[in-house]
Protein backbone atom coordinates (compact mmCIF):
# COMPACT_ATOMS: atom_id res chain seq x y z
CA UNK A 1 52.89 42.50 1.38
CA UNK A 2 53.28 41.11 4.89
CA UNK A 3 53.22 37.35 5.49
CA UNK A 4 51.77 37.69 8.99
CA UNK A 5 48.26 37.54 10.42
CA UNK A 6 46.42 40.81 9.92
CA UNK A 7 44.57 40.18 13.20
CA UNK A 8 47.82 39.95 15.15
CA UNK A 9 49.73 42.64 13.28
CA UNK A 10 47.02 45.27 13.75
CA UNK A 11 46.88 45.11 17.56
CA UNK A 12 49.55 45.59 20.25
CA UNK A 13 50.79 42.23 21.59
CA UNK A 14 49.61 40.93 24.94
CA UNK A 15 51.81 42.48 27.61
CA UNK A 16 50.60 40.65 30.72
CA UNK A 17 52.45 37.33 30.41
CA UNK A 18 54.50 35.99 33.33
CA UNK A 19 58.18 36.73 32.71
CA UNK A 20 59.82 34.36 35.19
CA UNK A 21 60.29 30.59 35.07
CA UNK A 22 57.34 28.23 34.69
CA UNK A 23 56.79 26.94 38.20
CA UNK A 24 54.29 26.31 40.98
CA UNK A 25 51.21 24.24 41.68
CA UNK A 26 47.77 25.17 40.33
CA UNK A 27 44.24 23.89 40.61
CA UNK A 28 44.03 23.81 36.80
CA UNK A 29 46.59 24.01 34.01
CA UNK A 30 45.22 25.18 30.67
CA UNK A 31 47.31 24.31 27.61
CA UNK A 32 46.77 26.78 24.79
CA UNK A 33 46.11 30.54 24.91
CA UNK A 34 43.48 30.81 22.20
CA UNK A 35 39.78 31.47 22.56
CA UNK A 36 39.05 28.15 24.32
CA UNK A 37 41.93 28.23 26.78
CA UNK A 38 41.54 31.88 27.69
CA UNK A 39 37.76 31.57 28.00
CA UNK A 40 38.29 28.72 30.46
CA UNK A 41 41.08 30.50 32.34
CA UNK A 42 39.00 33.63 32.84
CA UNK A 43 36.02 31.63 34.12
CA UNK A 44 38.16 29.47 36.43
CA UNK A 45 39.85 32.52 37.91
CA UNK A 46 36.47 34.16 38.47
CA UNK A 47 35.41 31.03 40.35
CA UNK A 48 38.39 31.39 42.70
CA UNK A 49 40.59 28.65 41.23
CA UNK A 50 44.32 29.06 40.71
CA UNK A 51 45.00 28.61 37.00
CA UNK A 52 48.08 28.65 34.76
CA UNK A 53 47.91 28.96 30.98
CA UNK A 54 50.79 27.38 29.04
CA UNK A 55 51.09 28.77 25.50
CA UNK A 56 53.67 27.35 23.08
CA UNK A 57 54.06 30.66 21.22
CA UNK A 58 52.09 33.82 21.95
CA UNK A 59 48.49 34.63 22.85
CA UNK A 60 46.23 33.97 19.85
CA UNK A 61 49.02 32.47 17.73
CA UNK A 62 47.08 29.40 16.59
CA UNK A 63 43.67 29.11 14.94
CA UNK A 64 42.40 32.10 16.95
CA UNK A 65 44.57 34.33 14.75
CA UNK A 66 44.19 32.35 11.52
CA UNK A 67 40.54 32.77 10.65
CA UNK A 68 38.31 35.07 8.65
CA UNK A 69 36.88 36.98 11.59
CA UNK A 70 33.42 35.42 11.22
CA UNK A 71 31.11 34.53 14.10
CA UNK A 72 28.55 32.55 12.14
CA UNK A 73 25.60 31.10 14.01
CA UNK A 74 24.24 27.59 13.58
CA UNK A 75 26.14 24.47 12.55
CA UNK A 76 28.37 24.54 9.48
CA UNK A 77 26.85 21.26 8.30
CA UNK A 78 23.54 20.85 6.57
CA UNK A 79 20.90 21.00 9.30
CA UNK A 80 18.93 18.36 7.39
CA UNK A 81 21.95 16.03 7.44
CA UNK A 82 22.41 16.57 11.19
CA UNK A 83 18.72 15.89 11.79
CA UNK A 84 18.93 12.71 9.75
CA UNK A 85 22.03 11.50 11.62
CA UNK A 86 21.19 12.55 15.19
CA UNK A 87 17.45 13.20 15.29
CA UNK A 88 15.62 16.51 15.49
CA UNK A 89 16.25 17.21 19.18
CA UNK A 90 20.02 16.72 18.97
CA UNK A 91 20.28 18.65 15.70
CA UNK A 92 18.49 21.60 17.31
CA UNK A 93 20.79 21.42 20.35
CA UNK A 94 23.91 21.44 18.16
CA UNK A 95 22.59 24.34 16.10
CA UNK A 96 21.72 26.40 19.19
CA UNK A 97 25.10 25.72 20.81
CA UNK A 98 26.73 27.94 18.19
CA UNK A 99 24.08 30.62 18.75
CA UNK A 100 24.89 30.46 22.46
CA UNK A 101 28.58 30.82 21.63
CA UNK A 102 27.99 34.18 19.96
CA UNK A 103 25.87 35.29 22.93
CA UNK A 104 28.78 34.37 25.23
CA UNK A 105 31.23 36.45 23.19
CA UNK A 106 28.85 39.40 23.25
CA UNK A 107 28.53 39.08 27.04
CA UNK A 108 32.31 38.82 27.61
CA UNK A 109 32.93 41.85 25.37
CA UNK A 110 30.40 43.82 27.43
CA UNK A 111 31.58 42.58 30.85
CA UNK A 112 35.27 43.21 30.15
CA UNK A 113 34.92 46.30 27.98
CA UNK A 114 36.85 44.75 25.07
CA UNK A 115 37.11 47.10 22.08
CA UNK A 116 36.98 44.60 19.22
CA UNK A 117 34.33 45.97 16.83
CA UNK A 118 31.83 43.22 17.71
CA UNK A 119 28.76 43.60 15.50
CA UNK A 120 25.73 41.46 14.65
CA UNK A 121 26.13 41.57 10.88
CA UNK A 122 24.30 38.50 9.63
CA UNK A 123 25.80 35.77 7.43
CA UNK A 124 25.10 34.93 3.81
CA UNK A 125 25.46 31.32 2.62
CA UNK A 126 25.91 31.99 -1.10
CA UNK A 127 24.88 29.50 -3.79
CA UNK A 128 27.80 29.13 -6.20
CA UNK A 129 25.77 27.01 -8.64
CA UNK A 130 22.03 27.01 -9.49
CA UNK A 131 21.64 23.47 -8.13
CA UNK A 132 23.21 24.55 -4.85
CA UNK A 133 20.35 26.99 -4.34
CA UNK A 134 17.92 24.09 -4.29
CA UNK A 135 19.80 22.50 -1.38
CA UNK A 136 20.14 25.81 0.45
CA UNK A 137 16.38 26.38 0.08
CA UNK A 138 15.54 22.95 1.52
CA UNK A 139 17.92 23.51 4.42
CA UNK A 140 16.44 26.97 5.02
CA UNK A 141 12.90 25.65 5.17
CA UNK A 142 13.80 23.19 7.94
CA UNK A 143 15.96 25.67 9.87
CA UNK A 144 13.39 28.46 9.66
CA UNK A 145 10.54 26.21 10.79
CA UNK A 146 12.32 24.20 13.49
CA UNK A 147 15.20 26.08 15.05
CA UNK A 148 15.94 29.61 13.79
CA UNK A 149 13.17 31.93 12.57
CA UNK A 150 15.74 34.74 12.25
CA UNK A 151 16.63 33.49 8.79
CA UNK A 152 15.65 34.57 5.31
CA UNK A 153 15.96 33.16 1.80
CA UNK A 154 17.34 35.64 -0.73
CA UNK A 155 16.93 35.42 -4.49
CA UNK A 156 19.59 36.36 -7.00
CA UNK A 157 17.92 39.74 -7.41
CA UNK A 158 17.88 40.25 -3.62
CA UNK A 159 21.66 39.74 -3.57
CA UNK A 160 22.28 42.88 -5.63
CA UNK A 161 21.91 44.92 -2.44
CA UNK A 162 24.29 42.60 -0.57
CA UNK A 163 27.15 41.42 -2.79
CA UNK A 164 28.60 43.17 -5.84
CA UNK A 165 29.05 40.03 -7.92
CA UNK A 166 27.16 38.02 -10.52
CA UNK A 167 28.77 34.78 -9.32
CA UNK A 168 25.93 33.69 -7.02
CA UNK A 169 22.40 32.40 -7.51
CA UNK A 170 20.79 33.27 -4.18
CA UNK A 171 21.58 32.81 -0.49
CA UNK A 172 20.35 32.04 2.98
CA UNK A 173 20.68 34.89 5.47
CA UNK A 174 21.26 33.96 9.14
CA UNK A 175 20.66 37.19 11.02
CA UNK A 176 22.18 36.22 14.40
CA UNK A 177 25.68 35.92 12.93
CA UNK A 178 28.31 38.47 13.90
CA UNK A 179 31.85 39.64 13.21
CA UNK A 180 34.68 41.18 15.24
CA UNK A 181 38.38 41.98 15.18
CA UNK A 182 39.88 38.66 16.28
CA UNK A 183 43.22 40.07 17.42
CA UNK A 184 41.65 42.68 19.66
CA UNK A 185 39.28 40.14 21.16
CA UNK A 186 41.87 37.47 21.97
CA UNK A 187 44.24 40.04 23.46
CA UNK A 188 41.39 41.55 25.45
CA UNK A 189 40.36 38.09 26.65
CA UNK A 190 43.93 37.37 27.80
CA UNK A 191 44.07 40.71 29.62
CA UNK A 192 40.74 39.91 31.29
CA UNK A 193 41.93 36.43 32.38
CA UNK A 194 45.14 37.88 33.83
CA UNK A 195 43.22 40.68 35.53
CA UNK A 196 40.97 38.05 37.13
CA UNK A 197 44.02 36.20 38.48
CA UNK A 198 45.16 33.70 35.85
CA UNK A 199 48.91 33.30 35.22
CA UNK A 200 49.72 33.21 31.50
CA UNK A 201 53.05 31.82 30.29
CA UNK A 202 54.01 32.46 26.66
CA UNK A 203 56.70 30.55 24.74
CA UNK A 204 56.13 27.59 27.05
CA UNK A 205 55.25 24.51 24.96
CA UNK A 206 54.41 21.37 26.90
CA UNK A 207 57.09 18.87 25.95
CA UNK A 208 56.21 16.09 28.39
CA UNK A 209 53.69 15.19 31.07
CA UNK A 210 53.68 12.71 33.88
CA UNK A 211 50.97 11.65 36.27
CA UNK A 212 51.59 12.72 39.86
CA UNK A 213 49.13 11.10 42.25
CA UNK A 214 45.79 12.67 41.43
CA UNK A 215 47.28 15.36 39.20
CA UNK A 216 49.88 16.03 36.53
CA UNK A 217 53.34 17.50 36.08
CA UNK A 218 53.76 19.43 32.84
CA UNK A 219 57.27 20.11 31.53
CA UNK A 220 58.25 23.09 29.36
CA UNK A 221 61.65 24.47 28.28
CA UNK A 222 61.14 27.21 30.88
CA UNK A 223 60.42 24.91 33.81
CA UNK A 224 57.52 22.79 34.99
CA UNK A 225 54.30 23.07 36.95
CA UNK A 226 51.97 20.66 38.67
CA UNK A 227 48.19 20.84 38.53
CA UNK A 228 45.25 18.91 39.87
CA UNK A 229 43.48 19.05 36.49
CA UNK A 230 44.46 19.83 32.91
CA UNK A 231 42.45 21.34 30.06
CA UNK A 232 43.89 20.70 26.59
CA UNK A 233 42.89 23.49 24.18
CA UNK A 234 45.52 23.21 21.45
CA UNK A 235 43.57 21.92 18.44
CA UNK A 236 45.77 21.59 15.35
CA UNK A 237 48.82 22.61 17.40
CA UNK A 238 48.65 19.64 19.80
CA UNK A 239 52.13 18.33 20.62
CA UNK A 240 53.31 14.69 20.61
CA UNK A 241 52.90 14.67 24.41
CA UNK A 242 49.19 14.16 23.68
CA UNK A 243 49.25 11.43 21.04
CA UNK A 244 45.68 10.23 21.74
CA UNK A 245 44.36 13.54 20.41
CA UNK A 246 46.80 13.80 17.50
CA UNK A 247 45.36 10.56 16.12
CA UNK A 248 41.91 12.16 16.06
CA UNK A 249 42.64 15.73 14.96
CA UNK A 250 43.50 16.47 11.33
CA UNK A 251 45.44 19.75 10.91
CA UNK A 252 44.35 21.48 7.71
CA UNK A 253 45.72 24.72 6.31
CA UNK A 254 43.49 27.77 6.21
CA UNK A 255 44.75 30.72 4.16
CA UNK A 256 43.76 34.36 3.94
CA UNK A 257 44.38 37.66 2.17
CA UNK A 258 43.70 41.18 3.37
CA UNK A 259 43.58 43.89 0.73
CA UNK A 260 44.48 47.51 1.26
CA UNK A 261 41.58 49.51 2.76
CA UNK A 262 38.89 49.88 0.11
CA UNK A 263 37.44 53.22 -0.89
CA UNK A 264 33.73 53.98 -0.29
CA UNK A 265 32.97 53.37 -3.95
CA UNK A 266 34.86 50.05 -3.91
CA UNK A 267 32.95 48.98 -0.79
CA UNK A 268 29.64 49.85 -2.46
CA UNK A 269 30.67 47.76 -5.47
CA UNK A 270 31.90 44.80 -3.39
CA UNK A 271 30.00 44.24 -0.14
CA UNK A 272 27.33 46.90 0.28
CA UNK A 273 25.52 44.69 2.81
CA UNK A 274 28.64 44.42 5.02
CA UNK A 275 27.90 40.89 6.18
CA UNK A 276 30.00 37.75 6.56
CA UNK A 277 29.83 35.60 3.42
CA UNK A 278 30.53 31.92 2.75
CA UNK A 279 30.24 30.19 -0.63
CA UNK A 280 28.64 26.78 -1.14
CA UNK A 281 31.50 24.96 -2.87
CA UNK A 282 33.32 22.20 -0.99
CA UNK A 283 36.57 24.10 -1.59
CA UNK A 284 34.91 27.46 -1.33
CA UNK A 285 35.74 30.88 0.00
CA UNK A 286 34.69 33.18 2.81
CA UNK A 287 34.97 36.95 2.98
CA UNK A 288 34.02 40.09 4.90
CA UNK A 289 35.12 43.67 5.40
CA UNK A 290 37.57 44.40 8.22
CA UNK A 291 36.96 47.30 10.61
CA UNK A 292 39.37 49.40 8.53
CA UNK A 293 37.52 48.42 5.30
CA UNK A 294 39.98 45.87 3.95
CA UNK A 295 38.46 42.85 2.24
CA UNK A 296 39.42 39.74 4.23
CA UNK A 297 39.22 36.86 1.73
CA UNK A 298 40.02 33.28 2.69
CA UNK A 299 39.62 29.63 1.90
CA UNK A 300 41.30 26.24 1.96
CA UNK A 301 43.08 27.11 -1.34
CA UNK A 302 45.31 24.02 -0.99
CA UNK A 303 44.77 20.93 1.15
CA UNK A 304 48.05 21.23 3.00
CA UNK A 305 49.26 20.73 6.55
CA UNK A 306 52.10 23.15 5.99
CA UNK A 307 52.16 26.89 6.66
CA UNK A 308 55.25 28.99 6.01
CA UNK A 309 55.93 31.97 3.77
CA UNK A 310 56.39 29.85 0.64
CA UNK A 311 53.26 27.79 1.28
CA UNK A 312 51.22 30.85 2.23
CA UNK A 313 52.38 32.68 -0.92
CA UNK A 314 51.31 29.74 -3.12
CA UNK A 315 47.92 29.67 -1.44
CA UNK A 316 47.68 33.44 -1.65
CA UNK A 317 48.06 33.32 -5.42
CA UNK A 318 45.16 30.84 -5.62
CA UNK A 319 43.05 33.03 -3.34
CA UNK A 320 43.82 36.14 -5.37
CA UNK A 321 42.61 34.38 -8.51
CA UNK A 322 39.42 33.28 -6.73
CA UNK A 323 38.85 36.82 -5.41
CA UNK A 324 39.21 38.25 -8.93
CA UNK A 325 36.76 35.65 -10.23
CA UNK A 326 34.11 36.79 -7.76
CA UNK A 327 35.00 40.49 -7.77
CA UNK A 328 36.64 41.33 -11.15
CA UNK A 329 36.88 45.00 -10.21
CA UNK A 330 39.35 44.02 -7.44
CA UNK A 331 41.64 42.01 -9.73
CA UNK A 332 44.44 44.55 -9.41
CA UNK A 333 43.80 45.81 -5.89
CA UNK A 334 46.88 45.78 -3.63
CA UNK A 335 47.06 42.96 -1.08
CA UNK A 336 48.69 44.06 2.18
CA UNK A 337 48.57 40.76 4.10
CA UNK A 338 48.82 37.09 3.19
CA UNK A 339 48.86 34.50 5.96
CA UNK A 340 47.85 30.99 6.85
CA UNK A 341 47.95 28.37 9.54
CA UNK A 342 46.41 25.17 10.77
CA UNK A 343 42.83 24.66 11.88
CA UNK A 344 41.73 21.49 13.65
CA UNK A 345 39.35 19.22 11.74
CA UNK A 346 37.62 16.08 12.90
CA UNK A 347 36.65 13.28 10.55
CA UNK A 348 32.95 14.25 10.66
CA UNK A 349 33.64 18.01 11.18
CA UNK A 350 31.79 18.16 14.50
CA UNK A 351 33.71 19.53 17.52
CA UNK A 352 34.63 17.32 20.45
CA UNK A 353 34.86 18.13 24.16
CA UNK A 354 34.98 16.11 27.36
CA UNK A 355 37.49 14.01 29.29
CA UNK A 356 39.94 11.48 27.78
CA UNK A 357 43.51 10.27 28.26
CA UNK A 358 43.58 11.82 31.73
CA UNK A 359 42.74 15.39 30.69
CA UNK A 360 39.75 17.56 29.86
CA UNK A 361 39.66 18.90 26.30
CA UNK A 362 37.75 21.01 23.78
CA UNK A 363 38.85 21.14 20.13
CA UNK A 364 38.06 19.95 16.62
CA UNK A 365 36.04 23.03 15.67
CA UNK A 366 36.65 22.28 11.99
CA UNK A 367 36.84 25.86 10.72
CA UNK A 368 33.75 26.93 12.67
CA UNK A 369 35.34 27.61 16.04
CA UNK A 370 35.69 31.35 16.60
CA UNK A 371 32.01 31.61 17.48
CA UNK A 372 31.94 28.74 19.99
CA UNK A 373 35.46 28.31 21.39
CA UNK A 374 35.22 30.88 24.19
CA UNK A 375 31.83 29.44 25.09
CA UNK A 376 33.26 25.92 25.24
CA UNK A 377 36.06 27.23 27.46
CA UNK A 378 33.47 28.40 29.96
CA UNK A 379 31.52 25.13 29.68
CA UNK A 380 34.66 23.09 30.36
CA UNK A 381 35.59 25.34 33.29
CA UNK A 382 32.18 24.65 34.84
CA UNK A 383 32.58 20.93 34.23
CA UNK A 384 36.04 20.86 35.85
CA UNK A 385 34.82 22.51 39.05
CA UNK A 386 31.75 20.31 39.36
CA UNK A 387 29.08 22.65 38.09
CA UNK A 388 26.36 21.71 35.59
CA UNK A 389 27.53 19.74 32.57
CA UNK A 390 26.39 21.82 29.57
CA UNK A 391 28.70 20.17 27.04
CA UNK A 392 26.70 19.80 23.78
CA UNK A 393 29.27 17.38 22.31
CA UNK A 394 29.62 15.02 25.28
CA UNK A 395 27.80 12.09 23.66
CA UNK A 396 29.55 12.16 20.27
CA UNK A 397 31.91 9.18 19.79
CA UNK A 398 35.44 10.03 18.71
CA UNK A 399 37.38 7.29 16.98
CA UNK A 400 40.95 7.63 15.74
CA UNK A 401 41.43 8.39 12.04
CA UNK A 402 42.72 5.16 10.44
CA UNK A 403 46.49 5.20 9.73
CA UNK A 404 46.78 8.76 11.10
CA UNK A 405 49.39 9.53 13.76
CA UNK A 406 49.44 13.32 13.62
CA UNK A 407 50.80 14.15 10.16
CA UNK A 408 47.93 13.99 7.63
CA UNK A 409 49.60 12.36 4.63
CA UNK A 410 46.19 11.87 3.00
CA UNK A 411 45.25 15.57 2.59
CA UNK A 412 46.16 15.83 -1.12
CA UNK A 413 43.81 12.91 -1.82
CA UNK A 414 41.03 14.60 0.17
CA UNK A 415 41.60 17.82 -1.74
CA UNK A 416 41.42 16.00 -5.09
CA UNK A 417 38.15 14.36 -4.02
CA UNK A 418 36.51 17.67 -3.10
CA UNK A 419 37.78 19.39 -6.26
CA UNK A 420 36.17 16.62 -8.29
CA UNK A 421 32.88 17.03 -6.40
CA UNK A 422 32.89 20.77 -7.08
CA UNK A 423 33.29 20.11 -10.79
CA UNK A 424 30.46 17.61 -11.11
CA UNK A 425 27.92 18.81 -8.54
C-alpha cells in the first residue's frame, strides 16, 4: 500500500516549472499552484498580464490532490438553511455559483484539450438514516422548484440500480454533478497556464512579505520577486506570513483510500450507477469509481490537523471499516493507496473571496472546492484587472475564529460533538 495521493501518483509530474532562481517583477503574483491559483494564472496570462505562481511544494500538492475527485453541483449546505439565512435570491446565487464552476471546468478541459476523464455523472446524496430521508426530501422539493429542476428524489428501491448496499434509505440525485481525474486536470491546468505565459515556481514557499510602494515583495528560499498585486490561494496551507487568514481558516484532515481496480462483477455489485456519492452523516463518507475502476473512498475519519504516514494509516483503518460496513463484499479487497491532507474550512463552511490584508484571496472551500476553485481563480483574475466583479462571496462577513491563531486545538472537541449528533439524530 502506498501512502501517497492516488491522483498525483497516477500522472507524470508537471515538467514546466521554472528551474532558476525566483526573481523579477510581475503584474500579479499568485501564491499556491492548486486549482484556484492556476485558474487565475491561466486567465491573467491570457489577458496579457505578467504572472508568477509561487508554490511551496509541487503543482497540486495541497487540497487539489487530497480530495475524492467529485465535482458536485450546488451548495454543500442545506439549501433551505441557506435560504433561511440569506434569503431566496442569495441562496439561489450561491447554489448556481457551484454549477457555474463545473461549467468552467468543462470549458477549460475543452479549450486546453486536457485528458482528465471529465464526465457528467450525477451525484447521490444518500440518506444514512430513515429520518435523514425526510430532510433530504424537504430540501429536494425546494431545490427542484426554485433553483435546479435537474434533480430527482430516489426511493430505497430506486437505489438498487445505483448503489450495491442496503445501508441507505433513499437519495437525492443532482444530475449536473461531474467527476474527473484530479491529478491529470491540475497538471493539465498548470501546463496550460505555462503555455499561455505564466511562470510557475515550485518548492518556493513565501516566507515573508513586505509592502513596496503600491506593490509587494515576496521572499522565498530561492529568491524574491516583486508584484503590483498578489492573489493568495493557499487555503489550509497558508503560511504565517499571512496571519490574518490563518485566524479565519481551520485546517481539517481529509483522508482517502483507493482499492485495487475492481472487476466488472465487483463494480456491478458496488456502484452500478457509476456516480459520485455522499452520505448524510455529519462524519460521513464519500465515494466513486476512479477511471481505472478503483473505489475511491474518503471521509473525515478523524478530526485532526495532522497528516503524515502514521496519521493517514490510523485514518485509513477507520475508513476501511466504514467501507466494509457499507460494502461488506469489499471487506477483504486490497487497498493500494491511503493518503490524507488538509482542506480549508471556514466557521460557517461557506467559501470566502475578495480583498483583505493588502492581498486578493479565494479560499475556505470547506471540502466542496474542486468544483468551484478554478472558476473562482478566473473570477479573481477578472477582479484584479478591473473587469466585472462576479464574486458570489463578496458580501459574506468573515470574522476570526475565537482563540484560533492557525493551529486548531479545538478539532477533537468538534469531532466529539459531530459524533454525538450522528448517534442521536
